[in-house]
Every structure is written in C-alpha cells, then in structure tokens.
Amino acid sequence: MRGDRAHGCLLVRVAALLGACGMVAAAASMGVAIGSVRHVSVGAHQLDVLGVRLSYPVLNVAEWLVLGLAGLGASAGTLVVRACWRQHSAYKSFLADLQIVGRLAGHPTVKVIADPRPQAFCAGYLRPTVYVSQRAIELLTESELSAVLAHEHHHRKVRDPLRLACGRILGRALFFVPVLKPLWDRYAELAELSADRAAVLASAGDQRPLASALLMFDASTPSGAGGISSERVDSLLGVPRRWRPPWWLTVASLGSLASLDLLIWRTSQVASVHATFNLPLLSSRPCAVMSILLPLLGCATIARRRATSHRRRA
C-alpha cells in the first residue's frame, strides 16, 4: 500500500507541476500579446474603401507569432473554464438525481441512497462523502460492507474525487502537454489499488470480503460497461503488474513547454503592434463605418432568427 501511495503521490506532483507550467505558459503568452500593443493617434497604414478612410494596425513578424501563441493560451484558458463549468454542472445534476434516504447505522458519515443496484462510491470535492445503496446493504455481509466502506473512506481521506476532477480538466485543456492524460489515468488506477489495500488492511489482511463484494458489484454492472480491471484482480491475488511510464509523451511534453517558453521569451523582446484603438478598431471614421455595419448586422440577426424558427418547427 505504501508503494502505491508513494507512486500515486509522485504522479500527482509530476502531473500538477506540468499542468502548472502549461497554465503559466498560456497566461504568459496572453500577457506578452497585451503588453506588446502600442497606441498611436494615427494609423501608419491607411486605405480608402467606398470613400471611407480606414486605418489598420501595424504588426511585425514577431507580433504575428505572439498572437498565435496568445491564441493558444486563450484556447487553453477557455477550455479550463468550460471544463470546470461542465464538471460542476455534471456534479450538481448527479447529486440532484440521488435519492438520499438517511445515514448508515453506526456510520454517521455514510449516506444511504435508494438505488436498486448494489453500489458504493465517494463523491465531493472539498468535503467528499461516502454513499452506499440500500441494495448493497441488503446483499453484502457485515465483513463485505466493512471492506467496501474502508475502500471508499480511503478515497474520501485523500480527496481522490478532487484530484481526479483536476486531472480531467487539465488533461483536456492543456492539449499541448500530451502526457497529462496518461499520467492522470494511471493515478486513477493507483487510487483504486491503494483503496483496495486499505480495505484489505481494515479486514485484518483478509482479501475475501473485498473480493466477493467486488464480484457482486461487477455482476450488477450493465453489459458493455467497464467492470473490475484485471490489474485490481492481480493486485488482490498478490501479483503486481509493472507499469511502463510514457517516456516519449513525457519528452514531447517537456519539449513542447520548453519551446513555448523560448518562443515567448524571444518574441516578447521584439514584438510590437501599433493601433489607433478607434471604434471600430480599424476605422479612422467610426461613424461612417458603423452606418454601414449596423444594417448588415440587422440583416444577419433577422436571418439567424428565421433559421432558428424554421429548425424549431421542423
């Protein structure tokens, strides 16, 4: 158990460090892009369109590269916010669907839910809670139930739901750090193995209560859904499986972060863009341009509403 816990802690630290470096690089790219903008009273480049004089920003080659990096950082930040919102919404919907009927006798921190399937799980981020279904209480023996609760209490103690949620968010958002997803997937496997070891220790070293409970849960799993992993079975049988770290993805991720940092550092010294900041940005005569854009925007809005109405009727 100590080996799995130490391995899991190491994976969390490495993945968290890589994720933090990725987020810093994303924020730095956007900061450099904002800091390179210079305001000028008159645009350096101008052209006439239908009698309207337009001015547009002047960018050097380095600034185009900075804008690309800023777009990458903005995409990562948007994905983080989106993933956090989806995770929070899914968690709230999940809790709303639970039918809590009370607390387990003798275990005031365990909530009982009305569910025809035998199941037990730990949910919650800052204050995780252990849930067990009425069907599981009916089917499991006292020793099996104790082993299952010990397993879930281990998840609650180390806040595995929060760690796994952060891992999923970073793995999806920081697409330029490809090693994050396999690292967090491996931590999810180690979290189950470590919780299994805690359950066995709570049963005085007897593996049978947990094994029989897992078999019962696996038998109730719908066809096609994931059941007990072979690594968990091997671990309970005392045959640990060796895991091969994703070295190539690690090298690629480190190279990606190093390249981003180098590009940000080099381009920040020479990148520049000069703009007038007129409204709209490209125009030296905003009133004239707005008189052209407003009718176009109105037509686009009407067309969009008609298309939406047509789809609803269909």
Protein backbone atom coordinates (compact mmCIF):
# COMPACT_ATOMS: atom_id res chain seq x y z
CA MET A 1 0.00 0.00 0.00
CA ARG A 2 2.82 2.37 0.80
CA GLY A 3 4.34 1.71 -2.61
CA ASP A 4 1.08 2.50 -4.42
CA ARG A 5 0.55 5.59 -2.28
CA ALA A 6 4.10 6.86 -2.85
CA HIS A 7 3.82 6.16 -6.57
CA GLY A 8 0.47 7.94 -6.72
CA CYS A 9 1.79 10.97 -4.84
CA LEU A 10 4.74 11.17 -7.23
CA LEU A 11 2.41 11.03 -10.24
CA VAL A 12 0.21 13.76 -8.77
CA ARG A 13 3.20 16.02 -8.15
CA VAL A 14 4.67 15.50 -11.61
CA ALA A 15 1.31 15.98 -13.34
CA ALA A 16 0.49 19.03 -11.22
CA LEU A 17 3.91 20.56 -11.98
CA LEU A 18 3.49 20.01 -15.71
CA GLY A 19 -0.05 21.39 -15.56
CA ALA A 20 1.11 24.47 -13.66
CA CYS A 21 3.88 25.06 -16.21
CA GLY A 22 1.34 24.76 -19.01
CA MET A 23 -1.04 27.25 -17.40
CA VAL A 24 1.83 29.70 -16.72
CA ALA A 25 2.93 29.44 -20.37
CA ALA A 26 -0.65 30.06 -21.54
CA ALA A 27 -1.02 33.10 -19.28
CA ALA A 28 2.42 34.44 -20.25
CA SER A 29 1.60 34.24 -23.96
CA MET A 30 -1.53 36.34 -23.48
CA GLY A 31 0.33 38.79 -21.24
CA VAL A 32 3.07 39.29 -23.83
CA ALA A 33 0.49 39.88 -26.55
CA ILE A 34 -1.29 42.52 -24.46
CA GLY A 35 1.97 44.17 -23.40
CA SER A 36 3.24 44.49 -26.98
CA VAL A 37 0.35 46.73 -28.10
CA ARG A 38 1.23 50.41 -28.54
CA HIS A 39 -1.31 53.20 -29.02
CA VAL A 40 -0.81 55.75 -31.79
CA SER A 41 -3.01 58.72 -32.70
CA VAL A 42 -2.97 57.98 -36.45
CA GLY A 43 -2.65 54.58 -38.07
CA ALA A 44 0.58 54.06 -40.01
CA HIS A 45 -1.26 52.23 -42.82
CA GLN A 46 -4.39 53.63 -44.38
CA LEU A 47 -6.66 52.83 -47.31
CA ASP A 48 -9.91 54.13 -48.79
CA VAL A 49 -12.97 51.89 -49.11
CA LEU A 50 -16.05 53.46 -50.74
CA GLY A 51 -14.81 56.89 -49.81
CA VAL A 52 -14.20 55.90 -46.18
CA ARG A 53 -10.61 56.13 -44.96
CA LEU A 54 -9.63 53.13 -42.86
CA SER A 55 -6.57 52.68 -40.68
CA TYR A 56 -5.35 49.29 -39.55
CA PRO A 57 -2.77 48.15 -37.01
CA VAL A 58 0.85 47.64 -37.98
CA LEU A 59 2.36 44.33 -36.84
CA ASN A 60 5.84 42.95 -37.27
CA VAL A 61 6.62 39.27 -37.83
CA ALA A 62 7.27 38.61 -34.16
CA GLU A 63 3.88 40.03 -33.25
CA TRP A 64 2.11 37.59 -35.56
CA LEU A 65 3.88 34.79 -33.74
CA VAL A 66 2.91 36.30 -30.39
CA LEU A 67 -0.72 36.49 -31.50
CA GLY A 68 -0.60 32.81 -32.42
CA LEU A 69 0.82 31.93 -29.01
CA ALA A 70 -1.80 34.15 -27.35
CA GLY A 71 -4.49 32.31 -29.26
CA LEU A 72 -3.08 29.04 -27.96
CA GLY A 73 -3.11 30.38 -24.40
CA ALA A 74 -6.62 31.78 -24.77
CA SER A 75 -7.82 28.43 -26.09
CA ALA A 76 -6.32 26.64 -23.10
CA GLY A 77 -7.88 29.11 -20.67
CA THR A 78 -11.26 28.81 -22.37
CA LEU A 79 -11.09 25.03 -22.22
CA VAL A 80 -10.24 25.18 -18.50
CA VAL A 81 -13.23 27.40 -17.74
CA ARG A 82 -15.50 25.28 -19.92
CA ALA A 83 -14.31 22.02 -18.35
CA CYS A 84 -14.73 23.42 -14.83
CA TRP A 85 -18.26 24.56 -15.62
CA ARG A 86 -19.19 21.22 -17.14
CA GLN A 87 -17.67 19.34 -14.23
CA HIS A 88 -19.56 21.46 -11.73
CA SER A 89 -22.84 21.17 -13.65
CA ALA A 90 -22.48 17.40 -14.00
CA TYR A 91 -21.75 17.07 -10.28
CA LYS A 92 -24.80 19.16 -9.33
CA SER A 93 -27.01 17.12 -11.65
CA PHE A 94 -25.59 13.91 -10.23
CA LEU A 95 -26.36 14.98 -6.65
CA ALA A 96 -29.83 16.14 -7.65
CA ASP A 97 -30.62 12.68 -9.04
CA LEU A 98 -29.60 10.90 -5.83
CA GLN A 99 -32.41 9.87 -3.51
CA ILE A 100 -30.86 10.03 -0.06
CA VAL A 101 -32.93 8.11 2.49
CA GLY A 102 -30.76 8.60 5.55
CA ARG A 103 -27.44 7.69 7.10
CA LEU A 104 -25.99 4.26 7.69
CA ALA A 105 -26.42 2.99 11.24
CA GLY A 106 -23.12 3.12 13.07
CA HIS A 107 -21.54 5.20 10.30
CA PRO A 108 -22.79 8.80 10.58
CA THR A 109 -20.56 9.98 7.72
CA VAL A 110 -22.05 7.47 5.21
CA LYS A 111 -25.24 8.39 3.36
CA VAL A 112 -27.69 5.73 2.13
CA ILE A 113 -29.30 6.18 -1.29
CA ALA A 114 -32.33 4.47 -2.80
CA ASP A 115 -30.96 2.51 -5.75
CA PRO A 116 -31.92 -0.98 -6.99
CA ARG A 117 -28.28 -1.71 -7.86
CA PRO A 118 -25.62 -2.60 -5.31
CA GLN A 119 -23.08 0.20 -5.38
CA ALA A 120 -20.91 2.38 -3.20
CA PHE A 121 -18.89 5.43 -4.14
CA CYS A 122 -17.23 8.58 -2.87
CA ALA A 123 -18.28 11.96 -4.29
CA GLY A 124 -17.49 15.56 -3.46
CA TYR A 125 -14.55 17.89 -3.87
CA LEU A 126 -13.71 19.89 -0.75
CA ARG A 127 -15.78 17.69 1.59
CA PRO A 128 -16.17 14.29 -0.08
CA THR A 129 -18.91 11.99 1.17
CA VAL A 130 -19.33 8.22 1.01
CA TYR A 131 -22.60 6.89 -0.44
CA VAL A 132 -23.92 3.34 -0.37
CA SER A 133 -27.12 1.99 -1.89
CA GLN A 134 -29.85 0.16 0.02
CA ARG A 135 -29.43 -2.81 -2.28
CA ALA A 136 -25.75 -3.09 -1.35
CA ILE A 137 -26.63 -3.06 2.35
CA GLU A 138 -29.15 -5.85 1.78
CA LEU A 139 -26.82 -8.09 -0.23
CA LEU A 140 -23.45 -7.57 1.44
CA THR A 141 -22.42 -9.33 4.60
CA GLU A 142 -21.10 -7.33 7.53
CA SER A 143 -17.48 -8.04 6.67
CA GLU A 144 -18.01 -7.26 2.98
CA LEU A 145 -19.76 -3.98 3.79
CA SER A 146 -16.94 -3.00 6.17
CA ALA A 147 -14.35 -3.68 3.46
CA VAL A 148 -16.30 -1.63 0.91
CA LEU A 149 -16.68 1.28 3.33
CA ALA A 150 -12.96 1.17 4.15
CA HIS A 151 -12.24 1.36 0.43
CA GLU A 152 -14.45 4.42 -0.05
CA HIS A 153 -13.25 6.11 3.14
CA HIS A 154 -9.72 5.91 1.77
CA HIS A 155 -10.87 7.81 -1.33
CA ARG A 156 -12.52 10.37 0.95
CA LYS A 157 -9.44 10.75 3.15
CA VAL A 158 -7.07 11.60 0.27
CA ARG A 159 -9.74 13.57 -1.67
CA ASP A 160 -9.48 11.44 -4.78
CA PRO A 161 -12.62 12.97 -6.39
CA LEU A 162 -10.99 16.41 -6.35
CA ARG A 163 -7.68 15.11 -7.67
CA LEU A 164 -9.29 13.18 -10.48
CA ALA A 165 -11.51 16.11 -11.44
CA CYS A 166 -8.48 18.43 -11.66
CA GLY A 167 -6.67 15.80 -13.71
CA ARG A 168 -9.53 15.52 -16.19
CA ILE A 169 -9.74 19.29 -16.57
CA LEU A 170 -6.01 19.79 -17.11
CA GLY A 171 -5.78 16.80 -19.44
CA ARG A 172 -8.48 18.25 -21.69
CA ALA A 173 -7.40 21.89 -21.58
CA LEU A 174 -3.62 21.61 -21.90
CA PHE A 175 -3.62 19.74 -25.20
CA PHE A 176 -0.03 20.83 -25.83
CA VAL A 177 1.09 18.75 -22.82
CA PRO A 178 0.00 15.29 -24.07
CA VAL A 179 1.48 13.32 -21.17
CA LEU A 180 -1.02 14.71 -18.66
CA LYS A 181 -3.89 12.42 -19.66
CA PRO A 182 -1.97 9.11 -19.31
CA LEU A 183 -0.45 10.29 -16.04
CA TRP A 184 -3.84 11.06 -14.53
CA ASP A 185 -5.29 7.84 -15.94
CA ARG A 186 -2.51 5.96 -14.19
CA TYR A 187 -3.22 7.82 -10.95
CA ALA A 188 -6.88 6.77 -11.20
CA GLU A 189 -5.73 3.12 -11.39
CA LEU A 190 -3.33 3.54 -8.47
CA ALA A 191 -6.05 5.25 -6.42
CA GLU A 192 -8.20 2.11 -6.73
CA LEU A 193 -5.29 -0.18 -5.87
CA SER A 194 -4.40 1.91 -2.83
CA ALA A 195 -8.03 1.93 -1.66
CA ASP A 196 -8.17 -1.85 -2.14
CA ARG A 197 -5.09 -2.26 0.04
CA ALA A 198 -6.69 -0.05 2.71
CA ALA A 199 -9.80 -2.25 2.63
CA VAL A 200 -7.70 -5.41 3.00
CA LEU A 201 -5.85 -3.92 5.97
CA ALA A 202 -9.18 -2.97 7.56
CA SER A 203 -10.19 -6.65 7.19
CA ALA A 204 -7.08 -7.79 9.10
CA GLY A 205 -5.37 -8.83 5.87
CA ASP A 206 -8.26 -10.95 4.60
CA GLN A 207 -8.87 -10.31 0.91
CA ARG A 208 -12.03 -12.39 0.58
CA PRO A 209 -14.59 -9.82 1.85
CA LEU A 210 -13.47 -7.17 -0.62
CA ALA A 211 -13.09 -9.66 -3.47
CA SER A 212 -16.59 -11.07 -3.02
CA ALA A 213 -18.06 -7.55 -2.77
CA LEU A 214 -16.29 -6.50 -5.97
CA LEU A 215 -17.60 -9.57 -7.77
CA MET A 216 -21.14 -8.69 -6.69
CA PHE A 217 -20.74 -5.10 -7.89
CA ASP A 218 -19.24 -6.32 -11.16
CA ALA A 219 -22.14 -8.73 -11.74
CA SER A 220 -24.60 -5.83 -11.44
CA THR A 221 -22.69 -3.73 -13.98
CA PRO A 222 -24.64 -3.30 -17.24
CA SER A 223 -23.39 -5.24 -20.22
CA GLY A 224 -20.73 -3.30 -22.13
CA ALA A 225 -19.77 -1.11 -19.17
CA GLY A 226 -16.36 -1.29 -17.59
CA GLY A 227 -16.06 -3.71 -14.70
CA ILE A 228 -13.22 -4.70 -12.40
CA SER A 229 -9.86 -4.14 -14.07
CA SER A 230 -7.50 -7.07 -14.42
CA GLU A 231 -4.82 -5.12 -12.55
CA ARG A 232 -7.04 -4.91 -9.46
CA VAL A 233 -7.62 -8.66 -9.60
CA ASP A 234 -3.89 -9.33 -9.97
CA SER A 235 -3.15 -6.98 -7.08
CA LEU A 236 -5.64 -8.74 -4.78
CA LEU A 237 -4.04 -12.05 -5.77
CA GLY A 238 -0.62 -10.70 -4.85
CA VAL A 239 0.65 -10.46 -8.44
CA PRO A 240 1.51 -6.80 -9.06
CA ARG A 241 1.65 -5.62 -12.67
CA ARG A 242 4.52 -3.46 -13.88
CA TRP A 243 3.59 -0.12 -15.41
CA ARG A 244 5.65 1.43 -18.18
CA PRO A 245 5.84 5.22 -17.97
CA PRO A 246 5.02 7.08 -21.21
CA TRP A 247 8.58 8.28 -21.80
CA TRP A 248 8.02 9.51 -25.35
CA LEU A 249 4.99 11.55 -24.36
CA THR A 250 6.95 12.93 -21.41
CA VAL A 251 9.80 14.02 -23.68
CA ALA A 252 7.32 15.51 -26.16
CA SER A 253 5.53 17.42 -23.38
CA LEU A 254 8.77 18.80 -21.94
CA GLY A 255 9.88 19.79 -25.43
CA SER A 256 6.56 21.50 -26.08
CA LEU A 257 6.75 23.51 -22.85
CA ALA A 258 10.41 24.42 -23.43
CA SER A 259 9.64 25.55 -26.99
CA LEU A 260 6.72 27.68 -25.82
CA ASP A 261 8.79 29.32 -23.10
CA LEU A 262 11.64 30.02 -25.54
CA LEU A 263 9.31 31.50 -28.16
CA ILE A 264 7.54 33.66 -25.59
CA TRP A 265 10.85 34.93 -24.22
CA ARG A 266 12.37 35.70 -27.62
CA THR A 267 9.30 37.27 -29.22
CA SER A 268 8.50 39.39 -26.17
CA GLN A 269 11.68 41.40 -26.82
CA VAL A 270 10.89 42.43 -30.39
CA ALA A 271 7.12 42.02 -30.88
CA SER A 272 5.13 45.19 -31.37
CA VAL A 273 1.80 46.31 -32.79
CA HIS A 274 0.65 49.91 -33.31
CA ALA A 275 -3.09 50.61 -33.34
CA THR A 276 -5.36 53.67 -33.07
CA PHE A 277 -7.99 51.96 -30.87
CA ASN A 278 -10.79 53.74 -32.74
CA LEU A 279 -14.23 52.15 -32.54
CA PRO A 280 -14.37 50.09 -34.59
CA LEU A 281 -10.64 49.38 -34.29
CA LEU A 282 -9.78 49.54 -37.99
CA SER A 283 -11.53 52.79 -38.83
CA SER A 284 -10.43 56.39 -38.65
CA ARG A 285 -14.09 57.42 -39.20
CA PRO A 286 -16.09 55.10 -36.93
CA CYS A 287 -19.46 56.79 -37.54
CA ALA A 288 -19.27 56.15 -41.26
CA VAL A 289 -18.30 52.52 -40.81
CA MET A 290 -20.96 51.91 -38.18
CA SER A 291 -23.62 53.28 -40.53
CA ILE A 292 -22.60 50.53 -42.96
CA LEU A 293 -22.21 47.75 -40.39
CA LEU A 294 -25.45 48.26 -38.48
CA PRO A 295 -27.79 47.40 -41.41
CA LEU A 296 -25.64 44.35 -42.18
CA LEU A 297 -25.78 43.21 -38.55
CA GLY A 298 -29.55 43.72 -38.53
CA CYS A 299 -29.99 41.58 -41.63
CA ALA A 300 -27.77 38.86 -40.17
CA THR A 301 -29.79 38.84 -36.92
CA ILE A 302 -33.11 38.54 -38.78
CA ALA A 303 -31.75 35.71 -40.94
CA ARG A 304 -30.48 33.87 -37.88
CA ARG A 305 -33.82 34.16 -36.08
CA ARG A 306 -35.68 32.88 -39.13
CA ALA A 307 -33.32 29.91 -39.42
CA THR A 308 -33.77 29.11 -35.72
CA SER A 309 -37.55 29.35 -36.00
CA HIS A 310 -37.51 27.09 -39.04
CA ARG A 311 -35.43 24.46 -37.22
CA ARG A 312 -37.79 24.52 -34.24
CA ARG A 313 -40.83 23.99 -36.47
CA ALA A 314 -39.05 21.14 -38.24
